[in-house]
All heavy atoms as atom14 arrays in JSON, in Angstrom:
{
  "sequence": "EVAWKALQNESAPSIKYLARRGATTFWEVWPMEADEKETYSRSQS",
  "atom14_mask": [
    [1, 1, 1, 1, 1, 1, 1, 1, 1, 0, 0, 0, 0, 0],
    [1, 1, 1, 1, 1, 1, 1, 0, 0, 0, 0, 0, 0, 0],
    [1, 1, 1, 1, 1, 0, 0, 0, 0, 0, 0, 0, 0, 0],
    [1, 1, 1, 1, 1, 1, 1, 1, 1, 1, 1, 1, 1, 1],
    [1, 1, 1, 1, 1, 1, 1, 1, 1, 0, 0, 0, 0, 0],
    [1, 1, 1, 1, 1, 0, 0, 0, 0, 0, 0, 0, 0, 0],
    [1, 1, 1, 1, 1, 1, 1, 1, 0, 0, 0, 0, 0, 0],
    [1, 1, 1, 1, 1, 1, 1, 1, 1, 0, 0, 0, 0, 0],
    [1, 1, 1, 1, 1, 1, 1, 1, 0, 0, 0, 0, 0, 0],
    [1, 1, 1, 1, 1, 1, 1, 1, 1, 0, 0, 0, 0, 0],
    [1, 1, 1, 1, 1, 1, 0, 0, 0, 0, 0, 0, 0, 0],
    [1, 1, 1, 1, 1, 0, 0, 0, 0, 0, 0, 0, 0, 0],
    [1, 1, 1, 1, 1, 1, 1, 0, 0, 0, 0, 0, 0, 0],
    [1, 1, 1, 1, 1, 1, 0, 0, 0, 0, 0, 0, 0, 0],
    [1, 1, 1, 1, 1, 1, 1, 1, 0, 0, 0, 0, 0, 0],
    [1, 1, 1, 1, 1, 1, 1, 1, 1, 0, 0, 0, 0, 0],
    [1, 1, 1, 1, 1, 1, 1, 1, 1, 1, 1, 1, 0, 0],
    [1, 1, 1, 1, 1, 1, 1, 1, 0, 0, 0, 0, 0, 0],
    [1, 1, 1, 1, 1, 0, 0, 0, 0, 0, 0, 0, 0, 0],
    [1, 1, 1, 1, 1, 1, 1, 1, 1, 1, 1, 0, 0, 0],
    [1, 1, 1, 1, 1, 1, 1, 1, 1, 1, 1, 0, 0, 0],
    [1, 1, 1, 1, 0, 0, 0, 0, 0, 0, 0, 0, 0, 0],
    [1, 1, 1, 1, 1, 0, 0, 0, 0, 0, 0, 0, 0, 0],
    [1, 1, 1, 1, 1, 1, 1, 0, 0, 0, 0, 0, 0, 0],
    [1, 1, 1, 1, 1, 1, 1, 0, 0, 0, 0, 0, 0, 0],
    [1, 1, 1, 1, 1, 1, 1, 1, 1, 1, 1, 0, 0, 0],
    [1, 1, 1, 1, 1, 1, 1, 1, 1, 1, 1, 1, 1, 1],
    [1, 1, 1, 1, 1, 1, 1, 1, 1, 0, 0, 0, 0, 0],
    [1, 1, 1, 1, 1, 1, 1, 0, 0, 0, 0, 0, 0, 0],
    [1, 1, 1, 1, 1, 1, 1, 1, 1, 1, 1, 1, 1, 1],
    [1, 1, 1, 1, 1, 1, 1, 0, 0, 0, 0, 0, 0, 0],
    [1, 1, 1, 1, 1, 1, 1, 1, 0, 0, 0, 0, 0, 0],
    [1, 1, 1, 1, 1, 1, 1, 1, 1, 0, 0, 0, 0, 0],
    [1, 1, 1, 1, 1, 0, 0, 0, 0, 0, 0, 0, 0, 0],
    [1, 1, 1, 1, 1, 1, 1, 1, 0, 0, 0, 0, 0, 0],
    [1, 1, 1, 1, 1, 1, 1, 1, 1, 0, 0, 0, 0, 0],
    [1, 1, 1, 1, 1, 1, 1, 1, 1, 0, 0, 0, 0, 0],
    [1, 1, 1, 1, 1, 1, 1, 1, 1, 0, 0, 0, 0, 0],
    [1, 1, 1, 1, 1, 1, 1, 0, 0, 0, 0, 0, 0, 0],
    [1, 1, 1, 1, 1, 1, 1, 1, 1, 1, 1, 1, 0, 0],
    [1, 1, 1, 1, 1, 1, 0, 0, 0, 0, 0, 0, 0, 0],
    [1, 1, 1, 1, 1, 1, 1, 1, 1, 1, 1, 0, 0, 0],
    [1, 1, 1, 1, 1, 1, 0, 0, 0, 0, 0, 0, 0, 0],
    [1, 1, 1, 1, 1, 1, 1, 1, 1, 0, 0, 0, 0, 0],
    [1, 1, 1, 1, 1, 1, 0, 0, 0, 0, 0, 0, 0, 0]
  ],
  "atom14_positions": [
    [[21.47, -68.55, 80.81], [20.36, -67.86, 81.48], [19.05, -68.13, 80.74], [18.01, -68.34, 81.37], [20.63, -66.37, 81.58], [21.85, -66.01, 82.36], [21.74, -66.3, 83.84], [20.61, -66.37, 84.39], [22.8, -66.52, 84.49], [0.0, 0.0, 0.0], [0.0, 0.0, 0.0], [0.0, 0.0, 0.0], [0.0, 0.0, 0.0], [0.0, 0.0, 0.0]],
    [[19.07, -68.19, 79.41], [17.89, -68.43, 78.63], [17.42, -69.91, 78.85], [16.25, -70.16, 79.05], [18.13, -68.18, 77.11], [16.95, -68.61, 76.29], [18.44, -66.71, 76.9], [0.0, 0.0, 0.0], [0.0, 0.0, 0.0], [0.0, 0.0, 0.0], [0.0, 0.0, 0.0], [0.0, 0.0, 0.0], [0.0, 0.0, 0.0], [0.0, 0.0, 0.0]],
    [[18.39, -70.81, 78.84], [18.05, -72.24, 79.06], [17.46, -72.42, 80.44], [16.46, -73.12, 80.61], [19.32, -73.1, 78.9], [0.0, 0.0, 0.0], [0.0, 0.0, 0.0], [0.0, 0.0, 0.0], [0.0, 0.0, 0.0], [0.0, 0.0, 0.0], [0.0, 0.0, 0.0], [0.0, 0.0, 0.0], [0.0, 0.0, 0.0], [0.0, 0.0, 0.0]],
    [[18.04, -71.8, 81.45], [17.52, -71.9, 82.82], [16.12, -71.37, 82.9], [15.23, -71.97, 83.52], [18.46, -71.18, 83.78], [18.07, -71.34, 85.2], [17.59, -70.38, 86.04], [18.13, -72.55, 86.0], [17.35, -70.9, 87.28], [17.66, -72.24, 87.27], [18.51, -73.85, 85.71], [17.6, -73.15, 88.3], [18.43, -74.77, 86.73], [17.97, -74.44, 88.0]],
    [[15.86, -70.24, 82.25], [14.53, -69.65, 82.28], [13.52, -70.58, 81.59], [12.4, -70.74, 82.06], [14.55, -68.28, 81.58], [13.28, -67.46, 81.79], [13.36, -66.12, 81.1], [14.14, -65.15, 81.97], [14.08, -63.79, 81.44], [0.0, 0.0, 0.0], [0.0, 0.0, 0.0], [0.0, 0.0, 0.0], [0.0, 0.0, 0.0], [0.0, 0.0, 0.0]],
    [[13.92, -71.2, 80.48], [13.03, -72.13, 79.79], [12.7, -73.35, 80.63], [11.61, -73.92, 80.54], [13.65, -72.59, 78.48], [0.0, 0.0, 0.0], [0.0, 0.0, 0.0], [0.0, 0.0, 0.0], [0.0, 0.0, 0.0], [0.0, 0.0, 0.0], [0.0, 0.0, 0.0], [0.0, 0.0, 0.0], [0.0, 0.0, 0.0], [0.0, 0.0, 0.0]],
    [[13.63, -73.76, 81.48], [13.39, -74.9, 82.35], [12.55, -74.53, 83.59], [11.83, -75.37, 84.1], [14.73, -75.51, 82.84], [15.51, -76.25, 81.81], [16.88, -76.58, 82.33], [14.79, -77.52, 81.38], [0.0, 0.0, 0.0], [0.0, 0.0, 0.0], [0.0, 0.0, 0.0], [0.0, 0.0, 0.0], [0.0, 0.0, 0.0], [0.0, 0.0, 0.0]],
    [[12.61, -73.32, 84.02], [11.94, -72.89, 85.26], [10.55, -72.3, 85.08], [9.75, -72.3, 85.98], [12.82, -71.91, 86.02], [14.11, -72.54, 86.5], [13.88, -73.77, 87.36], [13.14, -73.7, 88.33], [14.49, -74.87, 87.02], [0.0, 0.0, 0.0], [0.0, 0.0, 0.0], [0.0, 0.0, 0.0], [0.0, 0.0, 0.0], [0.0, 0.0, 0.0]],
    [[10.26, -71.78, 83.9], [8.96, -71.14, 83.65], [7.87, -72.2, 83.72], [7.94, -73.25, 83.06], [9.0, -70.47, 82.27], [7.74, -69.7, 82.01], [6.92, -69.45, 82.91], [7.55, -69.31, 80.77], [0.0, 0.0, 0.0], [0.0, 0.0, 0.0], [0.0, 0.0, 0.0], [0.0, 0.0, 0.0], [0.0, 0.0, 0.0], [0.0, 0.0, 0.0]],
    [[6.83, -71.95, 84.5], [5.79, -72.96, 84.68], [4.61, -72.81, 83.74], [3.77, -73.69, 83.66], [5.31, -72.93, 86.13], [6.41, -73.33, 87.09], [5.93, -73.65, 88.47], [4.76, -73.98, 88.65], [6.73, -73.56, 89.4], [0.0, 0.0, 0.0], [0.0, 0.0, 0.0], [0.0, 0.0, 0.0], [0.0, 0.0, 0.0], [0.0, 0.0, 0.0]],
    [[4.54, -71.71, 83.01], [3.42, -71.52, 82.09], [3.88, -71.77, 80.67], [5.06, -71.75, 80.36], [2.84, -70.1, 82.25], [3.83, -69.14, 81.94], [0.0, 0.0, 0.0], [0.0, 0.0, 0.0], [0.0, 0.0, 0.0], [0.0, 0.0, 0.0], [0.0, 0.0, 0.0], [0.0, 0.0, 0.0], [0.0, 0.0, 0.0], [0.0, 0.0, 0.0]],
    [[2.92, -72.01, 79.8], [3.23, -72.25, 78.38], [3.65, -70.94, 77.75], [3.11, -69.9, 78.1], [2.03, -72.83, 77.67], [0.0, 0.0, 0.0], [0.0, 0.0, 0.0], [0.0, 0.0, 0.0], [0.0, 0.0, 0.0], [0.0, 0.0, 0.0], [0.0, 0.0, 0.0], [0.0, 0.0, 0.0], [0.0, 0.0, 0.0], [0.0, 0.0, 0.0]],
    [[4.54, -70.94, 76.81], [5.33, -72.07, 76.37], [6.61, -72.21, 77.19], [7.33, -71.23, 77.41], [5.67, -71.69, 74.91], [5.74, -70.2, 74.92], [4.73, -69.74, 75.96], [0.0, 0.0, 0.0], [0.0, 0.0, 0.0], [0.0, 0.0, 0.0], [0.0, 0.0, 0.0], [0.0, 0.0, 0.0], [0.0, 0.0, 0.0], [0.0, 0.0, 0.0]],
    [[6.83, -73.39, 77.7], [8.08, -73.67, 78.42], [8.33, -75.16, 78.51], [7.41, -75.95, 78.35], [8.01, -73.07, 79.84], [7.2, -73.89, 80.67], [0.0, 0.0, 0.0], [0.0, 0.0, 0.0], [0.0, 0.0, 0.0], [0.0, 0.0, 0.0], [0.0, 0.0, 0.0], [0.0, 0.0, 0.0], [0.0, 0.0, 0.0], [0.0, 0.0, 0.0]],
    [[9.56, -75.53, 78.78], [9.93, -76.92, 78.92], [9.27, -77.52, 80.16], [8.79, -78.64, 80.15], [11.46, -77.08, 78.97], [12.13, -76.44, 77.77], [11.85, -78.54, 79.13], [11.66, -76.93, 76.41], [0.0, 0.0, 0.0], [0.0, 0.0, 0.0], [0.0, 0.0, 0.0], [0.0, 0.0, 0.0], [0.0, 0.0, 0.0], [0.0, 0.0, 0.0]],
    [[9.23, -76.76, 81.25], [8.64, -77.24, 82.48], [7.16, -77.53, 82.28], [6.6, -78.48, 82.82], [8.87, -76.25, 83.61], [8.59, -76.76, 84.99], [9.03, -75.76, 86.02], [9.16, -76.39, 87.36], [9.72, -75.43, 88.36], [0.0, 0.0, 0.0], [0.0, 0.0, 0.0], [0.0, 0.0, 0.0], [0.0, 0.0, 0.0], [0.0, 0.0, 0.0]],
    [[6.49, -76.68, 81.53], [5.08, -76.87, 81.24], [4.84, -78.19, 80.53], [3.96, -78.95, 80.87], [4.57, -75.69, 80.37], [3.09, -75.73, 80.08], [2.2, -75.09, 80.96], [2.59, -76.33, 78.96], [0.83, -75.08, 80.71], [1.23, -76.32, 78.69], [0.36, -75.69, 79.57], [-0.99, -75.68, 79.31], [0.0, 0.0, 0.0], [0.0, 0.0, 0.0]],
    [[5.69, -78.49, 79.53], [5.57, -79.76, 78.82], [5.87, -80.93, 79.76], [5.14, -81.92, 79.75], [6.55, -79.79, 77.63], [6.25, -78.85, 76.47], [7.38, -78.92, 75.45], [4.93, -79.15, 75.83], [0.0, 0.0, 0.0], [0.0, 0.0, 0.0], [0.0, 0.0, 0.0], [0.0, 0.0, 0.0], [0.0, 0.0, 0.0], [0.0, 0.0, 0.0]],
    [[6.93, -80.85, 80.54], [7.34, -81.95, 81.42], [6.24, -82.24, 82.47], [6.0, -83.41, 82.76], [8.65, -81.61, 82.1], [0.0, 0.0, 0.0], [0.0, 0.0, 0.0], [0.0, 0.0, 0.0], [0.0, 0.0, 0.0], [0.0, 0.0, 0.0], [0.0, 0.0, 0.0], [0.0, 0.0, 0.0], [0.0, 0.0, 0.0], [0.0, 0.0, 0.0]],
    [[5.59, -81.25, 82.96], [4.53, -81.46, 83.95], [3.32, -82.13, 83.34], [2.46, -82.64, 84.03], [4.14, -80.14, 84.6], [5.24, -79.68, 85.53], [4.67, -78.86, 86.62], [5.68, -78.69, 87.63], [5.64, -77.74, 88.53], [4.62, -76.89, 88.56], [6.58, -77.64, 89.45], [0.0, 0.0, 0.0], [0.0, 0.0, 0.0], [0.0, 0.0, 0.0]],
    [[3.24, -82.15, 82.03], [2.14, -82.82, 81.33], [2.59, -84.2, 80.79], [1.96, -84.75, 79.96], [1.6, -81.95, 80.24], [0.69, -80.87, 80.81], [0.37, -79.75, 79.88], [-0.61, -78.87, 80.48], [-0.45, -78.11, 81.54], [0.72, -78.11, 82.15], [-1.38, -77.33, 82.01], [0.0, 0.0, 0.0], [0.0, 0.0, 0.0], [0.0, 0.0, 0.0]],
    [[3.74, -84.66, 81.29], [4.21, -85.98, 80.94], [5.06, -86.07, 79.68], [5.34, -87.15, 79.19], [0.0, 0.0, 0.0], [0.0, 0.0, 0.0], [0.0, 0.0, 0.0], [0.0, 0.0, 0.0], [0.0, 0.0, 0.0], [0.0, 0.0, 0.0], [0.0, 0.0, 0.0], [0.0, 0.0, 0.0], [0.0, 0.0, 0.0], [0.0, 0.0, 0.0]],
    [[5.47, -84.94, 79.13], [6.23, -84.95, 77.89], [7.61, -85.58, 78.1], [8.3, -85.3, 79.06], [6.43, -83.52, 77.37], [0.0, 0.0, 0.0], [0.0, 0.0, 0.0], [0.0, 0.0, 0.0], [0.0, 0.0, 0.0], [0.0, 0.0, 0.0], [0.0, 0.0, 0.0], [0.0, 0.0, 0.0], [0.0, 0.0, 0.0], [0.0, 0.0, 0.0]],
    [[7.96, -86.45, 77.18], [9.33, -86.97, 77.13], [10.01, -86.57, 75.86], [11.17, -86.9, 75.62], [9.31, -88.53, 77.22], [8.52, -89.04, 76.19], [8.75, -88.97, 78.59], [0.0, 0.0, 0.0], [0.0, 0.0, 0.0], [0.0, 0.0, 0.0], [0.0, 0.0, 0.0], [0.0, 0.0, 0.0], [0.0, 0.0, 0.0], [0.0, 0.0, 0.0]],
    [[9.26, -85.85, 75.02], [9.79, -85.27, 73.79], [9.22, -83.86, 73.64], [8.28, -83.5, 74.37], [9.35, -86.1, 72.54], [7.95, -86.1, 72.46], [9.91, -87.5, 72.59], [0.0, 0.0, 0.0], [0.0, 0.0, 0.0], [0.0, 0.0, 0.0], [0.0, 0.0, 0.0], [0.0, 0.0, 0.0], [0.0, 0.0, 0.0], [0.0, 0.0, 0.0]],
    [[9.78, -83.12, 72.74], [9.3, -81.76, 72.49], [8.14, -81.84, 71.5], [8.3, -82.38, 70.43], [10.46, -80.95, 71.89], [10.19, -79.48, 71.79], [10.34, -78.67, 72.89], [9.8, -78.93, 70.58], [10.11, -77.34, 72.82], [9.57, -77.57, 70.5], [9.73, -76.78, 71.62], [0.0, 0.0, 0.0], [0.0, 0.0, 0.0], [0.0, 0.0, 0.0]],
    [[7.01, -81.34, 71.89], [5.81, -81.49, 71.06], [5.84, -80.53, 69.88], [6.38, -79.44, 69.96], [4.55, -81.29, 71.86], [4.39, -82.3, 72.96], [5.04, -83.5, 73.04], [3.56, -82.21, 74.1], [4.65, -84.17, 74.15], [3.73, -83.41, 74.84], [2.68, -81.27, 74.58], [3.07, -83.67, 76.02], [2.01, -81.53, 75.76], [2.19, -82.71, 76.46]],
    [[5.22, -80.95, 68.79], [5.18, -80.15, 67.58], [4.43, -78.84, 67.78], [4.76, -77.82, 67.23], [4.48, -80.96, 66.47], [4.46, -80.3, 65.12], [3.89, -81.24, 64.07], [3.87, -82.47, 64.27], [3.44, -80.7, 63.06], [0.0, 0.0, 0.0], [0.0, 0.0, 0.0], [0.0, 0.0, 0.0], [0.0, 0.0, 0.0], [0.0, 0.0, 0.0]],
    [[3.43, -78.86, 68.66], [2.61, -77.7, 68.92], [2.68, -77.43, 70.42], [2.49, -78.35, 71.22], [1.13, -77.96, 68.51], [0.28, -76.77, 68.85], [1.06, -78.27, 67.03], [0.0, 0.0, 0.0], [0.0, 0.0, 0.0], [0.0, 0.0, 0.0], [0.0, 0.0, 0.0], [0.0, 0.0, 0.0], [0.0, 0.0, 0.0], [0.0, 0.0, 0.0]],
    [[2.94, -76.18, 70.81], [2.94, -75.85, 72.21], [1.55, -76.02, 72.75], [0.59, -75.47, 72.2], [3.38, -74.39, 72.43], [4.84, -74.18, 72.29], [5.48, -73.64, 71.24], [5.85, -74.51, 73.25], [6.82, -73.61, 71.45], [7.06, -74.15, 72.69], [5.81, -75.06, 74.51], [8.28, -74.32, 73.37], [7.01, -75.24, 75.19], [8.23, -74.86, 74.61]],
    [[1.38, -76.75, 73.86], [0.02, -76.92, 74.41], [-0.44, -75.71, 75.17], [0.06, -75.42, 76.23], [0.19, -78.13, 75.33], [1.61, -78.08, 75.76], [2.37, -77.49, 74.62], [0.0, 0.0, 0.0], [0.0, 0.0, 0.0], [0.0, 0.0, 0.0], [0.0, 0.0, 0.0], [0.0, 0.0, 0.0], [0.0, 0.0, 0.0], [0.0, 0.0, 0.0]],
    [[-1.37, -75.0, 74.62], [-2.01, -73.89, 75.33], [-3.29, -74.44, 75.93], [-3.9, -75.36, 75.39], [-2.31, -72.75, 74.39], [-1.08, -72.21, 73.71], [0.07, -71.52, 74.93], [1.32, -70.86, 73.87], [0.0, 0.0, 0.0], [0.0, 0.0, 0.0], [0.0, 0.0, 0.0], [0.0, 0.0, 0.0], [0.0, 0.0, 0.0], [0.0, 0.0, 0.0]],
    [[-3.71, -73.91, 77.05], [-4.88, -74.44, 77.76], [-6.08, -74.62, 76.83], [-6.77, -75.61, 76.9], [-5.26, -73.53, 78.92], [-4.2, -73.44, 79.99], [-3.94, -74.75, 80.71], [-4.81, -75.62, 80.76], [-2.79, -74.94, 81.17], [0.0, 0.0, 0.0], [0.0, 0.0, 0.0], [0.0, 0.0, 0.0], [0.0, 0.0, 0.0], [0.0, 0.0, 0.0]],
    [[-6.33, -73.67, 75.94], [-7.52, -73.7, 75.09], [-7.49, -74.8, 74.04], [-8.53, -75.28, 73.6], [-7.69, -72.34, 74.4], [0.0, 0.0, 0.0], [0.0, 0.0, 0.0], [0.0, 0.0, 0.0], [0.0, 0.0, 0.0], [0.0, 0.0, 0.0], [0.0, 0.0, 0.0], [0.0, 0.0, 0.0], [0.0, 0.0, 0.0], [0.0, 0.0, 0.0]],
    [[-6.31, -75.24, 73.63], [-6.23, -76.2, 72.52], [-5.45, -77.47, 72.87], [-4.9, -78.1, 72.02], [-5.65, -75.56, 71.29], [-4.17, -75.24, 71.4], [-3.61, -75.34, 72.5], [-3.56, -74.89, 70.4], [0.0, 0.0, 0.0], [0.0, 0.0, 0.0], [0.0, 0.0, 0.0], [0.0, 0.0, 0.0], [0.0, 0.0, 0.0], [0.0, 0.0, 0.0]],
    [[-5.45, -77.87, 74.15], [-4.7, -79.08, 74.54], [-5.15, -80.34, 73.83], [-4.38, -81.18, 73.48], [-4.72, -79.26, 76.06], [-3.68, -78.42, 76.74], [-3.42, -78.87, 78.13], [-3.46, -80.08, 78.43], [-3.16, -77.98, 78.97], [0.0, 0.0, 0.0], [0.0, 0.0, 0.0], [0.0, 0.0, 0.0], [0.0, 0.0, 0.0], [0.0, 0.0, 0.0]],
    [[-6.46, -80.48, 73.6], [-6.94, -81.68, 72.88], [-6.37, -81.73, 71.48], [-5.99, -82.78, 71.01], [-8.48, -81.69, 72.85], [-9.08, -81.99, 74.2], [-10.57, -82.09, 74.14], [-11.1, -82.36, 75.53], [-12.54, -82.45, 75.59], [0.0, 0.0, 0.0], [0.0, 0.0, 0.0], [0.0, 0.0, 0.0], [0.0, 0.0, 0.0], [0.0, 0.0, 0.0]],
    [[-6.27, -80.61, 70.81], [-5.67, -80.55, 69.45], [-4.21, -80.92, 69.54], [-3.67, -81.63, 68.71], [-5.83, -79.14, 68.9], [-4.93, -78.89, 67.72], [-5.68, -78.67, 66.43], [-6.91, -78.66, 66.44], [-5.01, -78.55, 65.42], [0.0, 0.0, 0.0], [0.0, 0.0, 0.0], [0.0, 0.0, 0.0], [0.0, 0.0, 0.0], [0.0, 0.0, 0.0]],
    [[-3.5, -80.44, 70.57], [-2.07, -80.7, 70.72], [-1.81, -82.2, 70.83], [-0.91, -82.71, 70.21], [-1.55, -80.0, 72.0], [-1.74, -78.61, 71.84], [-0.1, -80.31, 72.2], [0.0, 0.0, 0.0], [0.0, 0.0, 0.0], [0.0, 0.0, 0.0], [0.0, 0.0, 0.0], [0.0, 0.0, 0.0], [0.0, 0.0, 0.0], [0.0, 0.0, 0.0]],
    [[-2.58, -82.9, 71.62], [-2.34, -84.33, 71.81], [-2.6, -85.14, 70.54], [-2.18, -86.28, 70.47], [-3.2, -84.85, 72.96], [-2.7, -84.37, 74.28], [-3.44, -83.47, 75.06], [-1.49, -84.8, 74.82], [-2.98, -83.02, 76.29], [-1.01, -84.34, 76.02], [-1.78, -83.47, 76.77], [-1.32, -83.0, 77.96], [0.0, 0.0, 0.0], [0.0, 0.0, 0.0]],
    [[-3.29, -84.6, 69.56], [-3.57, -85.35, 68.34], [-2.45, -85.17, 67.3], [-2.5, -85.78, 66.25], [-4.92, -84.9, 67.74], [-4.83, -83.57, 67.28], [0.0, 0.0, 0.0], [0.0, 0.0, 0.0], [0.0, 0.0, 0.0], [0.0, 0.0, 0.0], [0.0, 0.0, 0.0], [0.0, 0.0, 0.0], [0.0, 0.0, 0.0], [0.0, 0.0, 0.0]],
    [[-1.45, -84.35, 67.6], [-0.36, -84.12, 66.65], [0.9, -84.83, 67.09], [0.99, -85.37, 68.16], [-0.11, -82.61, 66.54], [-1.31, -81.9, 65.96], [-0.98, -80.49, 65.72], [-2.17, -79.75, 65.3], [-2.19, -78.53, 64.94], [-1.07, -77.82, 64.94], [-3.28, -77.93, 64.6], [0.0, 0.0, 0.0], [0.0, 0.0, 0.0], [0.0, 0.0, 0.0]],
    [[1.9, -84.76, 66.22], [3.18, -85.41, 66.5], [3.77, -84.9, 67.82], [3.8, -83.72, 68.09], [4.18, -85.12, 65.36], [5.45, -85.53, 65.74], [0.0, 0.0, 0.0], [0.0, 0.0, 0.0], [0.0, 0.0, 0.0], [0.0, 0.0, 0.0], [0.0, 0.0, 0.0], [0.0, 0.0, 0.0], [0.0, 0.0, 0.0], [0.0, 0.0, 0.0]],
    [[4.24, -85.85, 68.62], [4.89, -85.51, 69.89], [6.25, -86.16, 69.96], [6.71, -86.6, 70.98], [4.01, -85.97, 71.05], [2.67, -85.29, 71.08], [1.79, -85.79, 72.2], [2.25, -86.51, 73.1], [0.55, -85.43, 72.16], [0.0, 0.0, 0.0], [0.0, 0.0, 0.0], [0.0, 0.0, 0.0], [0.0, 0.0, 0.0], [0.0, 0.0, 0.0]],
    [[6.94, -86.2, 68.83], [8.2, -86.94, 68.77], [9.37, -86.06, 68.29], [9.96, -86.32, 67.27], [8.04, -88.14, 67.83], [9.23, -88.9, 67.88], [0.0, 0.0, 0.0], [0.0, 0.0, 0.0], [0.0, 0.0, 0.0], [0.0, 0.0, 0.0], [0.0, 0.0, 0.0], [0.0, 0.0, 0.0], [0.0, 0.0, 0.0], [0.0, 0.0, 0.0]]
  ]
}
């Protein structure tokens, strides 16, 4: 149930939120709307 919820939630922090932004890996920092530019400059592997 927890895994399903993590996949279905559309807002950050969630797996679906990352996937909709093109993620193929789990990012080091959860991308929040206010700091997305900072997120993209960190490890995404």
